[in-house]
N, C-alpha and C. Protein backbone atom coordinates (compact mmCIF):
# COMPACT_ATOMS: atom_id res chain seq x y z
N UNK A 1 128.77 109.26 -39.00
CA UNK A 1 127.48 108.57 -39.10
C UNK A 1 126.39 109.52 -38.59
N UNK A 2 125.24 109.47 -39.22
CA UNK A 2 124.16 110.38 -38.84
C UNK A 2 123.49 109.92 -37.55
N UNK A 3 122.84 110.86 -36.91
CA UNK A 3 122.10 110.57 -35.69
C UNK A 3 120.75 109.96 -36.03
N UNK A 4 120.14 109.36 -35.03
CA UNK A 4 118.78 108.85 -35.20
C UNK A 4 117.82 110.02 -35.20
N UNK A 5 116.85 110.00 -36.12
CA UNK A 5 115.83 111.04 -36.19
C UNK A 5 114.46 110.42 -35.96
N UNK A 6 113.54 111.22 -35.50
CA UNK A 6 112.18 110.76 -35.21
C UNK A 6 111.45 110.41 -36.50
N UNK A 7 110.85 109.22 -36.52
CA UNK A 7 110.01 108.81 -37.65
C UNK A 7 108.55 108.98 -37.28
N UNK A 8 108.17 108.50 -36.09
CA UNK A 8 106.79 108.62 -35.62
C UNK A 8 106.74 108.31 -34.13
N UNK A 9 105.59 108.55 -33.54
CA UNK A 9 105.41 108.18 -32.13
C UNK A 9 105.11 106.69 -32.07
N UNK A 10 105.34 106.11 -30.93
CA UNK A 10 105.08 104.68 -30.75
C UNK A 10 103.61 104.36 -31.00
N UNK A 11 102.72 105.29 -30.67
CA UNK A 11 101.28 105.07 -30.87
C UNK A 11 100.90 105.06 -32.35
N UNK A 12 101.74 105.61 -33.23
CA UNK A 12 101.47 105.63 -34.67
C UNK A 12 101.99 104.40 -35.40
N UNK A 13 102.70 103.52 -34.72
CA UNK A 13 103.27 102.33 -35.37
C UNK A 13 102.16 101.46 -35.95
N UNK A 14 102.45 100.76 -37.04
CA UNK A 14 101.44 99.87 -37.61
C UNK A 14 101.16 98.69 -36.68
N UNK A 15 99.96 98.15 -36.79
CA UNK A 15 99.61 96.98 -36.01
C UNK A 15 100.34 95.75 -36.59
N UNK A 16 100.33 94.67 -35.86
CA UNK A 16 101.00 93.45 -36.30
C UNK A 16 100.46 93.02 -37.67
N UNK A 17 101.36 92.76 -38.60
CA UNK A 17 100.98 92.33 -39.94
C UNK A 17 100.65 93.46 -40.89
N UNK A 18 100.95 94.70 -40.50
CA UNK A 18 100.59 95.85 -41.33
C UNK A 18 101.81 96.72 -41.63
N UNK A 19 101.64 97.60 -42.63
CA UNK A 19 102.64 98.58 -43.04
C UNK A 19 102.06 99.97 -42.89
N UNK A 20 102.94 100.95 -42.73
CA UNK A 20 102.55 102.36 -42.78
C UNK A 20 103.65 103.13 -43.48
N UNK A 21 103.23 104.18 -44.17
CA UNK A 21 104.16 105.09 -44.84
C UNK A 21 104.34 106.33 -44.01
N UNK A 22 105.58 106.79 -43.91
CA UNK A 22 105.89 108.05 -43.25
C UNK A 22 106.87 108.80 -44.12
N UNK A 23 106.81 110.12 -44.07
CA UNK A 23 107.77 110.96 -44.78
C UNK A 23 108.59 111.71 -43.75
N UNK A 24 109.91 111.53 -43.84
CA UNK A 24 110.83 112.19 -42.92
C UNK A 24 111.93 112.84 -43.75
N UNK A 25 112.13 114.12 -43.55
CA UNK A 25 113.15 114.86 -44.29
C UNK A 25 113.02 114.62 -45.80
N UNK A 26 111.81 114.71 -46.30
CA UNK A 26 111.48 114.55 -47.72
C UNK A 26 111.77 113.15 -48.25
N UNK A 27 111.89 112.18 -47.35
CA UNK A 27 112.15 110.80 -47.75
C UNK A 27 111.00 109.91 -47.31
N UNK A 28 110.49 109.12 -48.24
CA UNK A 28 109.41 108.19 -47.95
C UNK A 28 109.99 106.95 -47.26
N UNK A 29 109.33 106.53 -46.17
CA UNK A 29 109.77 105.35 -45.43
C UNK A 29 108.61 104.38 -45.29
N UNK A 30 108.93 103.11 -45.31
CA UNK A 30 107.96 102.03 -45.11
C UNK A 30 108.25 101.40 -43.75
N UNK A 31 107.32 101.51 -42.83
CA UNK A 31 107.46 100.92 -41.50
C UNK A 31 106.60 99.66 -41.46
N UNK A 32 107.23 98.54 -41.15
CA UNK A 32 106.55 97.25 -41.13
C UNK A 32 106.53 96.68 -39.72
N UNK A 33 105.40 96.06 -39.39
CA UNK A 33 105.29 95.34 -38.11
C UNK A 33 105.08 93.87 -38.47
N UNK A 34 106.15 93.11 -38.36
CA UNK A 34 106.12 91.69 -38.71
C UNK A 34 106.22 90.89 -37.42
N UNK A 35 105.09 90.33 -37.00
CA UNK A 35 105.07 89.54 -35.78
C UNK A 35 105.47 90.31 -34.54
N UNK A 36 105.23 91.61 -34.53
CA UNK A 36 105.58 92.44 -33.40
C UNK A 36 106.95 93.09 -33.50
N UNK A 37 107.73 92.73 -34.50
CA UNK A 37 109.04 93.35 -34.73
C UNK A 37 108.87 94.49 -35.72
N UNK A 38 109.38 95.66 -35.35
CA UNK A 38 109.29 96.84 -36.20
C UNK A 38 110.55 96.96 -37.04
N UNK A 39 110.36 97.08 -38.36
CA UNK A 39 111.47 97.26 -39.30
C UNK A 39 111.15 98.42 -40.22
N UNK A 40 112.19 99.07 -40.71
CA UNK A 40 112.00 100.23 -41.59
C UNK A 40 112.80 100.04 -42.87
N UNK A 41 112.13 100.25 -43.99
CA UNK A 41 112.76 100.23 -45.31
C UNK A 41 112.56 101.58 -45.98
N UNK A 42 113.45 101.91 -46.91
CA UNK A 42 113.19 103.06 -47.76
C UNK A 42 111.84 102.79 -48.44
N UNK A 43 111.00 103.80 -48.57
CA UNK A 43 109.65 103.61 -49.06
C UNK A 43 109.52 103.42 -50.56
N UNK A 44 110.62 103.52 -51.30
CA UNK A 44 110.58 103.38 -52.75
C UNK A 44 111.16 102.04 -53.17
N UNK A 45 110.37 101.25 -53.85
CA UNK A 45 110.82 99.94 -54.32
C UNK A 45 111.98 100.12 -55.29
N UNK A 46 113.07 99.37 -55.12
CA UNK A 46 114.21 99.51 -56.02
C UNK A 46 113.97 98.92 -57.41
N UNK A 47 112.89 98.18 -57.59
CA UNK A 47 112.60 97.59 -58.90
C UNK A 47 112.16 98.67 -59.88
N UNK A 48 111.01 99.31 -59.59
CA UNK A 48 110.52 100.36 -60.51
C UNK A 48 109.89 101.53 -59.78
N UNK A 49 110.27 101.72 -58.51
CA UNK A 49 109.84 102.91 -57.78
C UNK A 49 108.48 102.83 -57.13
N UNK A 50 107.92 101.65 -56.99
CA UNK A 50 106.61 101.50 -56.35
C UNK A 50 106.65 101.92 -54.88
N UNK A 51 105.49 102.27 -54.32
CA UNK A 51 105.41 102.71 -52.93
C UNK A 51 105.30 101.51 -51.97
N UNK A 52 106.42 101.10 -51.38
CA UNK A 52 106.42 99.92 -50.52
C UNK A 52 105.44 100.05 -49.35
N UNK A 53 105.28 101.25 -48.81
CA UNK A 53 104.37 101.46 -47.68
C UNK A 53 102.91 101.24 -48.02
N UNK A 54 102.58 101.16 -49.30
CA UNK A 54 101.22 100.88 -49.73
C UNK A 54 101.03 99.41 -50.08
N UNK A 55 102.08 98.63 -49.87
CA UNK A 55 102.03 97.20 -50.17
C UNK A 55 101.40 96.40 -49.04
N UNK A 56 101.91 95.20 -48.87
CA UNK A 56 101.37 94.30 -47.84
C UNK A 56 102.50 93.47 -47.25
N UNK A 57 102.16 92.75 -46.20
CA UNK A 57 103.09 91.78 -45.62
C UNK A 57 102.53 90.40 -45.92
N UNK A 58 103.34 89.60 -46.60
CA UNK A 58 102.94 88.23 -46.94
C UNK A 58 104.10 87.31 -46.61
N UNK A 59 103.83 86.26 -45.85
CA UNK A 59 104.86 85.30 -45.45
C UNK A 59 106.07 85.99 -44.84
N UNK A 60 105.82 87.04 -44.05
CA UNK A 60 106.89 87.75 -43.37
C UNK A 60 107.70 88.69 -44.22
N UNK A 61 107.27 88.94 -45.46
CA UNK A 61 107.98 89.82 -46.39
C UNK A 61 107.13 91.04 -46.71
N UNK A 62 107.79 92.16 -46.99
CA UNK A 62 107.11 93.36 -47.48
C UNK A 62 106.98 93.19 -48.99
N UNK A 63 105.74 93.26 -49.48
CA UNK A 63 105.47 93.02 -50.90
C UNK A 63 105.03 94.33 -51.56
N UNK A 64 105.75 94.71 -52.62
CA UNK A 64 105.45 95.93 -53.35
C UNK A 64 104.10 95.78 -54.07
N UNK A 65 103.25 96.80 -54.02
CA UNK A 65 101.94 96.70 -54.66
C UNK A 65 102.00 96.76 -56.19
N UNK A 66 103.09 97.20 -56.77
CA UNK A 66 103.15 97.33 -58.23
C UNK A 66 103.47 96.01 -58.93
N UNK A 67 104.53 95.33 -58.53
CA UNK A 67 104.97 94.13 -59.25
C UNK A 67 105.23 92.94 -58.34
N UNK A 68 104.79 93.03 -57.10
CA UNK A 68 104.87 91.94 -56.12
C UNK A 68 106.29 91.50 -55.78
N UNK A 69 107.26 92.40 -55.93
CA UNK A 69 108.60 92.08 -55.44
C UNK A 69 108.51 92.00 -53.91
N UNK A 70 109.13 90.98 -53.33
CA UNK A 70 109.05 90.76 -51.88
C UNK A 70 110.42 90.96 -51.24
N UNK A 71 110.44 91.72 -50.14
CA UNK A 71 111.68 92.07 -49.47
C UNK A 71 111.63 91.69 -48.00
N UNK A 72 112.78 91.23 -47.49
CA UNK A 72 112.89 91.01 -46.06
C UNK A 72 112.74 92.37 -45.40
N UNK A 73 111.82 92.52 -44.43
CA UNK A 73 111.55 93.84 -43.87
C UNK A 73 112.70 94.43 -43.05
N UNK A 74 113.62 93.60 -42.59
CA UNK A 74 114.72 94.10 -41.76
C UNK A 74 116.03 94.25 -42.51
N UNK A 75 116.22 93.47 -43.58
CA UNK A 75 117.49 93.54 -44.32
C UNK A 75 117.33 94.13 -45.72
N UNK A 76 116.11 94.10 -46.24
CA UNK A 76 115.85 94.57 -47.60
C UNK A 76 116.14 93.53 -48.67
N UNK A 77 116.62 92.35 -48.26
CA UNK A 77 116.98 91.31 -49.22
C UNK A 77 115.77 90.82 -50.01
N UNK A 78 116.04 90.45 -51.27
CA UNK A 78 115.03 89.91 -52.16
C UNK A 78 115.53 88.54 -52.61
N UNK A 79 114.84 87.48 -52.21
CA UNK A 79 115.28 86.13 -52.53
C UNK A 79 115.22 85.82 -54.02
N UNK A 80 114.26 86.38 -54.72
CA UNK A 80 114.08 86.10 -56.15
C UNK A 80 115.15 86.76 -57.02
N UNK A 81 115.55 87.96 -56.65
CA UNK A 81 116.52 88.72 -57.43
C UNK A 81 117.44 89.49 -56.48
N UNK A 82 118.55 88.88 -56.04
CA UNK A 82 119.44 89.52 -55.07
C UNK A 82 119.99 90.87 -55.51
N UNK A 83 119.95 91.14 -56.80
CA UNK A 83 120.44 92.43 -57.31
C UNK A 83 119.48 93.57 -56.98
N UNK A 84 118.21 93.24 -56.72
CA UNK A 84 117.19 94.25 -56.42
C UNK A 84 116.91 94.20 -54.92
N UNK A 85 117.67 94.99 -54.18
CA UNK A 85 117.58 94.99 -52.72
C UNK A 85 117.05 96.34 -52.24
N UNK A 86 116.06 96.30 -51.34
CA UNK A 86 115.53 97.52 -50.75
C UNK A 86 116.53 98.04 -49.71
N UNK A 87 116.50 99.32 -49.46
CA UNK A 87 117.40 99.91 -48.48
C UNK A 87 116.78 99.77 -47.09
N UNK A 88 117.48 99.04 -46.22
CA UNK A 88 117.03 98.87 -44.83
C UNK A 88 117.55 100.05 -44.01
N UNK A 89 116.69 100.56 -43.14
CA UNK A 89 117.02 101.70 -42.30
C UNK A 89 117.20 101.21 -40.87
N UNK A 90 118.37 101.46 -40.29
CA UNK A 90 118.58 101.11 -38.89
C UNK A 90 117.59 101.91 -38.05
N UNK A 91 116.89 101.22 -37.15
CA UNK A 91 115.86 101.92 -36.36
C UNK A 91 115.77 101.34 -34.97
N UNK A 92 115.10 102.09 -34.10
CA UNK A 92 114.87 101.64 -32.73
C UNK A 92 113.67 102.39 -32.17
N UNK A 93 112.97 101.72 -31.24
CA UNK A 93 111.89 102.38 -30.50
C UNK A 93 112.48 102.77 -29.18
N UNK A 94 112.40 104.09 -28.89
CA UNK A 94 113.03 104.62 -27.69
C UNK A 94 112.27 105.84 -27.21
N UNK A 95 112.02 105.89 -25.93
CA UNK A 95 111.33 107.04 -25.32
C UNK A 95 110.01 107.36 -26.01
N UNK A 96 109.26 106.32 -26.39
CA UNK A 96 107.94 106.51 -26.99
C UNK A 96 107.94 106.89 -28.44
N UNK A 97 109.10 106.78 -29.12
CA UNK A 97 109.19 107.15 -30.53
C UNK A 97 109.95 106.08 -31.31
N UNK A 98 109.61 105.96 -32.59
CA UNK A 98 110.41 105.19 -33.52
C UNK A 98 111.40 106.16 -34.13
N UNK A 99 112.67 105.78 -34.07
CA UNK A 99 113.73 106.64 -34.61
C UNK A 99 114.55 105.83 -35.60
N UNK A 100 115.00 106.50 -36.64
CA UNK A 100 115.81 105.84 -37.65
C UNK A 100 117.04 106.63 -38.00
N UNK A 101 118.04 105.91 -38.46
CA UNK A 101 119.29 106.56 -38.89
C UNK A 101 119.20 106.73 -40.41
N UNK A 102 118.80 107.94 -40.83
CA UNK A 102 118.61 108.21 -42.26
C UNK A 102 119.92 108.60 -42.86
């Protein structure tokens, strides 16, 4: 299993109800702050490749800006179409940094 790698500093985390995009090891990541809980998804929507980090949070879900597919920010699940699931990244805030297992 891979080690946790730095995604960003704690001060760079999105505010409550917001998303931010980060690129780590040439991989786009979507960091979501849902009610104070930080979750990380792969930044590419599995539907048609939209940029999840440029989307929004609505009703506690990360919503893709291209076709409004909505994903659970921590599991990647999509209630409308279970076959289209975003990749959830195991992550933790530790020592002033957000780290993920890519």
